[in-house]
Each structure stands twice: as C-alpha cells, then as structure tokens.
Amino acid sequence: MGALMFVFVLFELVPTLRGLRFDRKYLALGGPLSGFSGGFSGHQGALRSAFLTKVGISPQAFVGTNALIGFLVDLARIVVYGSVVFLAGSGSIFDRH
C-alpha cells in the first residue's frame, strides 16, 4: 500500500511525471484500482483524485465525479452497516447460543 501511495506522490513531485496524462479509456481500470487500494488504506478520495487529475477532465467533471463517487460509497456503507445493525438486533446473526 505504501508503494502505491509513493507512486502517486512521484506523479506530483517529479516534473516529467507531473505532465503525464492518461487516456480516458483507462478510467475503467483506474477507478476500481484506486477504490480497491484506497479501501484498504482509507485513502480512497486521495487516490481517486490523484488518478482523475491525470485523466484531464474538466474541473466541473472532476468535482461532479468526486461528489457522485463519494455519495455512492457512503450510500453503500450505510446500507451494509444498517443491515448488520438490523440483523444483529433481530438475533438472526451474531447469535451467541
């Protein structure tokens, strides 16, 4: 995880890499990669932003994409956590008998 974060830092610090841009066809690869790895480290937003800045989308698309993805991630968490709390309260899981 640290190595992946270090690579993202290099893209910001090294002048040659700073100007590097990815084609939009890599969005389907970059999204899951940054989301999956960010889920382990807790840096989803930072990794997603680092990738989206290199794709060359407009500032409006960048903000909208970040907001929508953040909303969907939070919605998924609420559904999962709510389900666990509901099922735990009903005694159907986490039963200690």
C-alpha atoms as a PDB file:
ATOM      1  CA  MET A   1       0.000   0.000   0.000  1.00  0.00           C
ATOM      2  CA  GLY A   2       2.833   2.317   0.840  1.00  0.00           C
ATOM      3  CA  ALA A   3       4.428   1.651  -2.540  1.00  0.00           C
ATOM      4  CA  LEU A   4       1.225   2.601  -4.353  1.00  0.00           C
ATOM      5  CA  MET A   5       0.955   5.834  -2.381  1.00  0.00           C
ATOM      6  CA  PHE A   6       4.618   6.548  -3.127  1.00  0.00           C
ATOM      7  CA  VAL A   7       3.937   6.149  -6.862  1.00  0.00           C
ATOM      8  CA  PHE A   8       1.121   8.701  -6.648  1.00  0.00           C
ATOM      9  CA  VAL A   9       3.475  11.089  -4.826  1.00  0.00           C
ATOM     10  CA  LEU A  10       6.054  10.686  -7.591  1.00  0.00           C
ATOM     11  CA  PHE A  11       3.426  11.764 -10.140  1.00  0.00           C
ATOM     12  CA  GLU A  12       3.143  15.051  -8.264  1.00  0.00           C
ATOM     13  CA  LEU A  13       6.805  15.706  -7.434  1.00  0.00           C
ATOM     14  CA  VAL A  14       8.777  14.581 -10.494  1.00  0.00           C
ATOM     15  CA  PRO A  15       8.419  17.210 -13.252  1.00  0.00           C
ATOM     16  CA  THR A  16       8.463  14.638 -16.065  1.00  0.00           C
ATOM     17  CA  LEU A  17       5.701  12.606 -14.428  1.00  0.00           C
ATOM     18  CA  ARG A  18       3.695  15.691 -13.413  1.00  0.00           C
ATOM     19  CA  GLY A  19       2.833  16.410 -17.031  1.00  0.00           C
ATOM     20  CA  LEU A  20       1.880  12.806 -17.767  1.00  0.00           C
ATOM     21  CA  ARG A  21      -1.744  12.240 -18.774  1.00  0.00           C
ATOM     22  CA  PHE A  22      -3.744   9.043 -19.099  1.00  0.00           C
ATOM     23  CA  ASP A  23      -6.245   8.365 -21.841  1.00  0.00           C
ATOM     24  CA  ARG A  24      -9.883   8.207 -20.749  1.00  0.00           C
ATOM     25  CA  LYS A  25     -10.033   4.557 -21.763  1.00  0.00           C
ATOM     26  CA  TYR A  26      -8.135   3.817 -18.535  1.00  0.00           C
ATOM     27  CA  LEU A  27     -10.916   5.191 -16.342  1.00  0.00           C
ATOM     28  CA  ALA A  28     -12.444   1.711 -16.075  1.00  0.00           C
ATOM     29  CA  LEU A  29      -9.120   0.406 -14.742  1.00  0.00           C
ATOM     30  CA  GLY A  30      -8.149   3.368 -12.568  1.00  0.00           C
ATOM     31  CA  GLY A  31     -11.476   3.572 -10.760  1.00  0.00           C
ATOM     32  CA  PRO A  32     -11.505   0.067  -9.337  1.00  0.00           C
ATOM     33  CA  LEU A  33      -7.750   0.154  -8.685  1.00  0.00           C
ATOM     34  CA  SER A  34      -7.904   3.372  -6.686  1.00  0.00           C
ATOM     35  CA  GLY A  35     -11.123   2.307  -4.937  1.00  0.00           C
ATOM     36  CA  PHE A  36      -9.871  -1.146  -4.004  1.00  0.00           C
ATOM     37  CA  SER A  37      -6.483   0.002  -2.794  1.00  0.00           C
ATOM     38  CA  GLY A  38      -7.954   3.055  -1.104  1.00  0.00           C
ATOM     39  CA  GLY A  39     -10.408   0.856   0.745  1.00  0.00           C
ATOM     40  CA  PHE A  40      -7.524  -0.915   2.444  1.00  0.00           C
ATOM     41  CA  SER A  41      -5.654   2.241   3.389  1.00  0.00           C
ATOM     42  CA  GLY A  42      -8.534   4.661   3.928  1.00  0.00           C
ATOM     43  CA  HIS A  43      -7.229   6.992   1.229  1.00  0.00           C
ATOM     44  CA  GLN A  44      -9.966   6.433  -1.368  1.00  0.00           C
ATOM     45  CA  GLY A  45     -10.524  10.121  -2.026  1.00  0.00           C
ATOM     46  CA  ALA A  46      -6.844  10.948  -2.333  1.00  0.00           C
ATOM     47  CA  LEU A  47      -6.138   8.073  -4.708  1.00  0.00           C
ATOM     48  CA  ARG A  48      -9.257   8.800  -6.760  1.00  0.00           C
ATOM     49  CA  SER A  49      -8.305  12.479  -7.035  1.00  0.00           C
ATOM     50  CA  ALA A  50      -4.723  11.647  -7.980  1.00  0.00           C
ATOM     51  CA  PHE A  51      -5.965   9.450 -10.800  1.00  0.00           C
ATOM     52  CA  LEU A  52      -8.690  11.809 -12.026  1.00  0.00           C
ATOM     53  CA  THR A  53      -6.301  14.759 -12.256  1.00  0.00           C
ATOM     54  CA  LYS A  54      -4.137  12.771 -14.689  1.00  0.00           C
ATOM     55  CA  VAL A  55      -7.053  11.954 -16.996  1.00  0.00           C
ATOM     56  CA  GLY A  56      -7.502  15.574 -17.992  1.00  0.00           C
ATOM     57  CA  ILE A  57     -11.210  16.034 -17.280  1.00  0.00           C
ATOM     58  CA  SER A  58     -12.701  19.480 -16.790  1.00  0.00           C
ATOM     59  CA  PRO A  59     -12.849  20.952 -13.269  1.00  0.00           C
ATOM     60  CA  GLN A  60     -16.654  20.627 -13.306  1.00  0.00           C
ATOM     61  CA  ALA A  61     -16.460  16.949 -14.277  1.00  0.00           C
ATOM     62  CA  PHE A  62     -13.772  16.388 -11.631  1.00  0.00           C
ATOM     63  CA  VAL A  63     -15.902  17.878  -8.843  1.00  0.00           C
ATOM     64  CA  GLY A  64     -19.054  16.143 -10.037  1.00  0.00           C
ATOM     65  CA  THR A  65     -17.325  12.779 -10.369  1.00  0.00           C
ATOM     66  CA  ASN A  66     -15.753  13.044  -6.925  1.00  0.00           C
ATOM     67  CA  ALA A  67     -19.071  14.047  -5.359  1.00  0.00           C
ATOM     68  CA  LEU A  68     -21.044  11.261  -7.048  1.00  0.00           C
ATOM     69  CA  ILE A  69     -18.498   8.548  -6.234  1.00  0.00           C
ATOM     70  CA  GLY A  70     -18.256   9.742  -2.621  1.00  0.00           C
ATOM     71  CA  PHE A  71     -22.053   9.675  -2.339  1.00  0.00           C
ATOM     72  CA  LEU A  72     -22.281   6.155  -3.783  1.00  0.00           C
ATOM     73  CA  VAL A  73     -19.546   4.863  -1.466  1.00  0.00           C
ATOM     74  CA  ASP A  74     -21.278   6.376   1.566  1.00  0.00           C
ATOM     75  CA  LEU A  75     -24.642   5.000   0.438  1.00  0.00           C
ATOM     76  CA  ALA A  76     -23.164   1.504   0.150  1.00  0.00           C
ATOM     77  CA  ARG A  77     -21.667   1.816   3.626  1.00  0.00           C
ATOM     78  CA  ILE A  78     -24.977   2.947   5.118  1.00  0.00           C
ATOM     79  CA  VAL A  79     -26.805   0.013   3.534  1.00  0.00           C
ATOM     80  CA  VAL A  80     -24.227  -2.514   4.730  1.00  0.00           C
ATOM     81  CA  TYR A  81     -23.850  -1.088   8.236  1.00  0.00           C
ATOM     82  CA  GLY A  82     -27.610  -0.650   8.583  1.00  0.00           C
ATOM     83  CA  SER A  83     -28.194  -4.240   7.524  1.00  0.00           C
ATOM     84  CA  VAL A  84     -25.663  -5.526  10.034  1.00  0.00           C
ATOM     85  CA  VAL A  85     -27.200  -3.485  12.859  1.00  0.00           C
ATOM     86  CA  PHE A  86     -30.719  -4.562  11.899  1.00  0.00           C
ATOM     87  CA  LEU A  87     -29.795  -8.238  11.622  1.00  0.00           C
ATOM     88  CA  ALA A  88     -27.797  -8.127  14.850  1.00  0.00           C
ATOM     89  CA  GLY A  89     -30.816  -6.664  16.654  1.00  0.00           C
ATOM     90  CA  SER A  90     -33.141  -9.332  15.296  1.00  0.00           C
ATOM     91  CA  GLY A  91     -30.948 -12.115  16.623  1.00  0.00           C
ATOM     92  CA  SER A  92     -30.537 -13.762  13.230  1.00  0.00           C
ATOM     93  CA  ILE A  93     -26.775 -13.214  13.171  1.00  0.00           C
ATOM     94  CA  PHE A  94     -24.238 -12.854  15.931  1.00  0.00           C
ATOM     95  CA  ASP A  95     -26.359 -15.217  17.995  1.00  0.00           C
ATOM     96  CA  ARG A  96     -24.295 -16.386  20.968  1.00  0.00           C
ATOM     97  CA  HIS A  97     -26.172 -19.601  21.732  1.00  0.00           C
END
